[in-house]
Amino acid sequence: MYDVVVHRDYQGRGIARTLIDDIIQQLGDVSCIQLIATTGNESFYEKVGFKKLKTGMAIYKNPQLAEEYLETNKP
């Protein structure tokens, strides 16, 4: 799942929660649902049941996305 977006004018009305709940219900008994979320929305996804992965790996060829989503070993 690559993020769920609700227009700013409609946020805070439970729309994203309804969408996520519906998607999860439709997926039934799948063994894993992975999510890439927009930076800053982690707390919302935690509220609807997502947990951080111990191991998650990615290659972003787009430098701007890499900067936003990848952890770095910078001091």
C-alpha atoms as a PDB file:
ATOM      1  CA  MET A   1       0.000   0.000   0.000  1.00  0.00           C
ATOM      2  CA  TYR A   2       1.511   3.321  -0.972  1.00  0.00           C
ATOM      3  CA  ASP A   3      -0.090   5.910   1.269  1.00  0.00           C
ATOM      4  CA  VAL A   4      -3.718   7.002   1.452  1.00  0.00           C
ATOM      5  CA  VAL A   5      -4.367  10.633   0.622  1.00  0.00           C
ATOM      6  CA  VAL A   6      -7.355  12.743   1.622  1.00  0.00           C
ATOM      7  CA  HIS A   7      -7.609  16.332   0.400  1.00  0.00           C
ATOM      8  CA  ARG A   8      -6.662  18.797   3.133  1.00  0.00           C
ATOM      9  CA  ASP A   9     -10.186  20.292   3.157  1.00  0.00           C
ATOM     10  CA  TYR A  10     -11.624  16.901   4.124  1.00  0.00           C
ATOM     11  CA  GLN A  11      -9.035  15.705   6.643  1.00  0.00           C
ATOM     12  CA  GLY A  12     -10.077  15.058  10.231  1.00  0.00           C
ATOM     13  CA  ARG A  13     -13.446  13.594   9.247  1.00  0.00           C
ATOM     14  CA  GLY A  14     -12.520   9.903   9.488  1.00  0.00           C
ATOM     15  CA  ILE A  15     -12.300   9.431   5.726  1.00  0.00           C
ATOM     16  CA  ALA A  16      -8.761   7.993   5.706  1.00  0.00           C
ATOM     17  CA  ARG A  17      -9.605   5.695   8.615  1.00  0.00           C
ATOM     18  CA  THR A  18     -12.673   4.429   6.731  1.00  0.00           C
ATOM     19  CA  LEU A  19     -10.599   3.847   3.582  1.00  0.00           C
ATOM     20  CA  ILE A  20      -7.876   1.971   5.487  1.00  0.00           C
ATOM     21  CA  ASP A  21     -10.407  -0.145   7.393  1.00  0.00           C
ATOM     22  CA  ASP A  22     -12.162  -1.025   4.120  1.00  0.00           C
ATOM     23  CA  ILE A  23      -8.916  -1.920   2.352  1.00  0.00           C
ATOM     24  CA  ILE A  24      -7.805  -4.130   5.243  1.00  0.00           C
ATOM     25  CA  GLN A  25     -11.198  -5.853   5.326  1.00  0.00           C
ATOM     26  CA  GLN A  26     -11.096  -6.477   1.563  1.00  0.00           C
ATOM     27  CA  LEU A  27      -7.634  -8.020   1.860  1.00  0.00           C
ATOM     28  CA  GLY A  28      -9.088 -10.654   4.162  1.00  0.00           C
ATOM     29  CA  ASP A  29      -6.612 -13.105   5.604  1.00  0.00           C
ATOM     30  CA  VAL A  30      -3.463 -12.046   3.748  1.00  0.00           C
ATOM     31  CA  SER A  31      -0.378 -12.664   5.853  1.00  0.00           C
ATOM     32  CA  CYS A  32       1.133  -9.183   5.560  1.00  0.00           C
ATOM     33  CA  ILE A  33       0.119  -5.663   4.569  1.00  0.00           C
ATOM     34  CA  GLN A  34       3.078  -3.358   4.035  1.00  0.00           C
ATOM     35  CA  LEU A  35       2.740   0.387   3.828  1.00  0.00           C
ATOM     36  CA  ILE A  36       4.882   3.245   2.574  1.00  0.00           C
ATOM     37  CA  ALA A  37       3.495   6.392   4.171  1.00  0.00           C
ATOM     38  CA  THR A  38       4.166  10.059   3.664  1.00  0.00           C
ATOM     39  CA  THR A  39       6.669  11.387   6.175  1.00  0.00           C
ATOM     40  CA  GLY A  40       4.869  12.858   9.169  1.00  0.00           C
ATOM     41  CA  ASN A  41       1.841  10.554   9.065  1.00  0.00           C
ATOM     42  CA  GLU A  42       3.343   7.702  11.071  1.00  0.00           C
ATOM     43  CA  SER A  43       1.187   8.382  14.137  1.00  0.00           C
ATOM     44  CA  PHE A  44      -2.011   8.094  12.084  1.00  0.00           C
ATOM     45  CA  TYR A  45      -0.980   4.715  10.707  1.00  0.00           C
ATOM     46  CA  GLU A  46      -0.011   3.512  14.172  1.00  0.00           C
ATOM     47  CA  LYS A  47      -3.530   4.470  15.363  1.00  0.00           C
ATOM     48  CA  VAL A  48      -5.087   2.238  12.692  1.00  0.00           C
ATOM     49  CA  GLY A  49      -2.882  -0.718  13.619  1.00  0.00           C
ATOM     50  CA  PHE A  50       0.313  -0.491  11.573  1.00  0.00           C
ATOM     51  CA  LYS A  51       3.625  -1.113  13.336  1.00  0.00           C
ATOM     52  CA  LYS A  52       7.169  -0.261  12.282  1.00  0.00           C
ATOM     53  CA  LEU A  53       9.098  -3.090  10.635  1.00  0.00           C
ATOM     54  CA  LYS A  54      12.310  -4.401  12.131  1.00  0.00           C
ATOM     55  CA  THR A  55      13.707  -4.813   8.649  1.00  0.00           C
ATOM     56  CA  GLY A  56      12.534  -2.738   5.760  1.00  0.00           C
ATOM     57  CA  MET A  57      14.773  -2.045   2.830  1.00  0.00           C
ATOM     58  CA  ALA A  58      14.410   0.025  -0.340  1.00  0.00           C
ATOM     59  CA  ILE A  59      16.301   1.528  -3.220  1.00  0.00           C
ATOM     60  CA  TYR A  60      15.065   4.948  -4.298  1.00  0.00           C
ATOM     61  CA  LYS A  61      16.573   6.114  -7.556  1.00  0.00           C
ATOM     62  CA  ASN A  62      14.865   9.489  -7.177  1.00  0.00           C
ATOM     63  CA  PRO A  63      17.186  11.517  -4.896  1.00  0.00           C
ATOM     64  CA  GLN A  64      14.358  13.573  -3.379  1.00  0.00           C
ATOM     65  CA  LEU A  65      12.418  10.453  -2.378  1.00  0.00           C
ATOM     66  CA  ALA A  66      15.614   8.874  -1.075  1.00  0.00           C
ATOM     67  CA  GLU A  67      16.224  11.923   1.104  1.00  0.00           C
ATOM     68  CA  GLU A  68      12.687  11.783   2.482  1.00  0.00           C
ATOM     69  CA  TYR A  69      12.296   8.051   3.086  1.00  0.00           C
ATOM     70  CA  LEU A  70      15.686   6.428   3.618  1.00  0.00           C
ATOM     71  CA  GLU A  71      17.543   6.378   6.900  1.00  0.00           C
ATOM     72  CA  THR A  72      21.136   7.441   6.562  1.00  0.00           C
ATOM     73  CA  ASN A  73      24.254   6.818   8.588  1.00  0.00           C
ATOM     74  CA  LYS A  74      25.066  10.506   8.721  1.00  0.00           C
ATOM     75  CA  PRO A  75      26.343  11.670  12.117  1.00  0.00           C
END
